[in-house]
N, C-alpha and C. Protein backbone atom coordinates (compact mmCIF):
# COMPACT_ATOMS: atom_id res chain seq x y z
N MET A 1 -80.76 209.18 78.75
CA MET A 1 -80.61 207.77 78.53
C MET A 1 -81.49 206.97 79.51
N TYR A 2 -81.53 207.37 80.77
CA TYR A 2 -82.34 206.67 81.75
C TYR A 2 -83.82 206.75 81.39
N THR A 3 -84.29 207.91 80.98
CA THR A 3 -85.70 208.05 80.66
C THR A 3 -86.07 207.20 79.45
N PHE A 4 -85.16 207.12 78.48
CA PHE A 4 -85.43 206.27 77.31
C PHE A 4 -85.53 204.80 77.71
N LEU A 5 -84.59 204.33 78.53
CA LEU A 5 -84.63 202.94 78.96
C LEU A 5 -85.84 202.67 79.84
N ARG A 6 -86.21 203.66 80.66
CA ARG A 6 -87.39 203.50 81.51
C ARG A 6 -88.65 203.39 80.65
N GLU A 7 -88.75 204.24 79.64
CA GLU A 7 -89.91 204.19 78.74
C GLU A 7 -89.95 202.88 77.96
N LEU A 8 -88.79 202.40 77.53
CA LEU A 8 -88.71 201.14 76.81
C LEU A 8 -89.16 199.99 77.70
N ALA A 9 -88.70 199.98 78.95
CA ALA A 9 -89.08 198.91 79.88
C ALA A 9 -90.56 198.98 80.21
N ASP A 10 -91.11 200.15 80.32
CA ASP A 10 -92.52 200.30 80.66
C ASP A 10 -93.45 199.86 79.54
N SER A 11 -93.00 199.95 78.32
CA SER A 11 -93.90 199.65 77.21
C SER A 11 -93.54 198.34 76.51
N TRP A 12 -92.44 198.31 75.78
CA TRP A 12 -92.14 197.18 74.92
C TRP A 12 -91.67 195.96 75.69
N ALA A 13 -90.88 196.17 76.72
CA ALA A 13 -90.43 195.01 77.51
C ALA A 13 -91.61 194.36 78.23
N MET A 14 -92.50 195.19 78.75
CA MET A 14 -93.68 194.64 79.42
C MET A 14 -94.57 193.89 78.42
N LEU A 15 -94.71 194.42 77.24
CA LEU A 15 -95.49 193.74 76.21
C LEU A 15 -94.83 192.41 75.82
N GLY A 16 -93.50 192.41 75.70
CA GLY A 16 -92.79 191.18 75.37
C GLY A 16 -92.94 190.13 76.45
N LEU A 17 -92.85 190.53 77.71
CA LEU A 17 -93.01 189.59 78.81
C LEU A 17 -94.44 189.05 78.87
N LEU A 18 -95.41 189.90 78.60
CA LEU A 18 -96.80 189.46 78.58
C LEU A 18 -97.04 188.44 77.47
N LEU A 19 -96.50 188.70 76.30
CA LEU A 19 -96.65 187.76 75.19
C LEU A 19 -95.94 186.44 75.48
N PHE A 20 -94.78 186.50 76.12
CA PHE A 20 -94.08 185.28 76.51
C PHE A 20 -94.91 184.48 77.50
N PHE A 21 -95.46 185.15 78.50
CA PHE A 21 -96.30 184.49 79.50
C PHE A 21 -97.51 183.84 78.86
N LEU A 22 -98.19 184.54 77.98
CA LEU A 22 -99.35 183.97 77.30
C LEU A 22 -98.96 182.80 76.40
N GLY A 23 -97.78 182.88 75.80
CA GLY A 23 -97.30 181.77 74.99
C GLY A 23 -97.03 180.53 75.81
N VAL A 24 -96.46 180.70 77.00
CA VAL A 24 -96.21 179.56 77.88
C VAL A 24 -97.53 178.93 78.32
N ILE A 25 -98.51 179.76 78.65
CA ILE A 25 -99.82 179.25 79.05
C ILE A 25 -100.48 178.50 77.88
N ALA A 26 -100.40 179.06 76.69
CA ALA A 26 -100.97 178.39 75.52
C ALA A 26 -100.25 177.07 75.23
N TRP A 27 -98.93 177.04 75.43
CA TRP A 27 -98.17 175.81 75.21
C TRP A 27 -98.59 174.73 76.21
N ALA A 28 -98.81 175.10 77.45
CA ALA A 28 -99.17 174.13 78.48
C ALA A 28 -100.57 173.56 78.26
N PHE A 29 -101.47 174.36 77.73
CA PHE A 29 -102.85 173.91 77.54
C PHE A 29 -103.17 173.59 76.08
N ARG A 30 -102.15 173.32 75.28
CA ARG A 30 -102.38 173.03 73.87
C ARG A 30 -103.10 171.69 73.72
N PRO A 31 -103.85 171.54 72.64
CA PRO A 31 -104.53 170.26 72.41
C PRO A 31 -103.51 169.14 72.20
N GLY A 32 -103.78 168.00 72.79
CA GLY A 32 -102.90 166.86 72.63
C GLY A 32 -101.84 166.74 73.71
N SER A 33 -101.75 167.67 74.63
CA SER A 33 -100.72 167.58 75.67
C SER A 33 -101.20 166.86 76.92
N ARG A 34 -102.46 166.50 76.99
CA ARG A 34 -102.98 165.84 78.19
C ARG A 34 -102.27 164.52 78.49
N PRO A 35 -102.00 163.65 77.50
CA PRO A 35 -101.28 162.41 77.83
C PRO A 35 -99.89 162.66 78.42
N ILE A 36 -99.21 163.66 77.95
CA ILE A 36 -97.89 163.99 78.48
C ILE A 36 -97.99 164.45 79.92
N HIS A 37 -98.95 165.31 80.21
CA HIS A 37 -99.14 165.81 81.57
C HIS A 37 -99.58 164.68 82.50
N ASN A 38 -100.42 163.77 82.04
CA ASN A 38 -100.85 162.65 82.87
C ASN A 38 -99.69 161.71 83.17
N ASP A 39 -98.83 161.48 82.19
CA ASP A 39 -97.67 160.62 82.40
C ASP A 39 -96.73 161.24 83.44
N ILE A 40 -96.49 162.52 83.34
CA ILE A 40 -95.62 163.21 84.30
C ILE A 40 -96.23 163.21 85.69
N ALA A 41 -97.54 163.37 85.78
CA ALA A 41 -98.20 163.39 87.08
C ALA A 41 -98.17 162.02 87.75
N ASP A 42 -98.04 160.94 86.99
CA ASP A 42 -98.04 159.60 87.55
C ASP A 42 -96.65 159.09 87.93
N ILE A 43 -95.62 159.87 87.76
CA ILE A 43 -94.26 159.43 88.07
C ILE A 43 -94.12 158.94 89.51
N PRO A 44 -94.63 159.64 90.52
CA PRO A 44 -94.45 159.15 91.90
C PRO A 44 -95.12 157.80 92.17
N PHE A 45 -96.06 157.39 91.36
CA PHE A 45 -96.82 156.17 91.61
C PHE A 45 -96.44 155.01 90.69
N ARG A 46 -95.40 155.13 89.91
CA ARG A 46 -95.05 154.09 88.94
C ARG A 46 -94.67 152.77 89.59
N HIS A 47 -93.96 152.81 90.70
CA HIS A 47 -93.50 151.58 91.35
C HIS A 47 -94.25 151.33 92.65
N GLU A 48 -95.49 151.73 92.70
CA GLU A 48 -96.28 151.58 93.91
C GLU A 48 -96.54 150.11 94.23
N ASN A 49 -96.84 149.31 93.23
CA ASN A 49 -97.15 147.89 93.44
C ASN A 49 -95.90 147.03 93.56
N ASN A 50 -94.79 147.45 92.98
CA ASN A 50 -93.56 146.69 93.00
C ASN A 50 -92.40 147.63 93.35
N PRO A 51 -92.29 148.03 94.62
CA PRO A 51 -91.24 149.00 94.98
C PRO A 51 -89.85 148.35 94.91
N MET A 52 -88.86 149.19 94.76
CA MET A 52 -87.48 148.71 94.70
C MET A 52 -87.02 148.32 96.09
N GLY A 53 -86.21 147.29 96.17
CA GLY A 53 -85.64 146.86 97.45
C GLY A 53 -84.44 147.71 97.80
N ASP A 54 -83.92 147.52 99.01
CA ASP A 54 -82.76 148.28 99.46
C ASP A 54 -81.51 147.97 98.64
N ASP A 55 -81.38 146.74 98.16
CA ASP A 55 -80.21 146.37 97.39
C ASP A 55 -80.25 146.92 95.96
N GLU A 56 -81.40 147.36 95.49
CA GLU A 56 -81.55 147.88 94.14
C GLU A 56 -81.41 149.39 94.06
N LEU A 57 -81.30 150.07 95.17
CA LEU A 57 -81.30 151.53 95.16
C LEU A 57 -80.08 152.10 94.46
N GLY A 58 -78.91 151.50 94.62
CA GLY A 58 -77.70 152.03 94.03
C GLY A 58 -77.51 151.62 92.59
N GLU A 59 -78.20 150.60 92.14
CA GLU A 59 -78.04 150.11 90.76
C GLU A 59 -78.98 150.79 89.82
N LYS A 60 -78.53 150.95 88.56
CA LYS A 60 -79.41 151.53 87.54
C LYS A 60 -79.27 150.77 86.27
């Protein structure tokens, strides 16, 4: 049983993990995703010109 599971992990599980990894990479670099990535990258700078005051921190 151990040798069977070891062989399964060495071949098919590794292939599945490789395909999953390549799929994630393809999803991240897919055409049309640049605006989404740019929006997420700009989150820390959204309120740079008009920062929140101390009295506004607790309110949402």
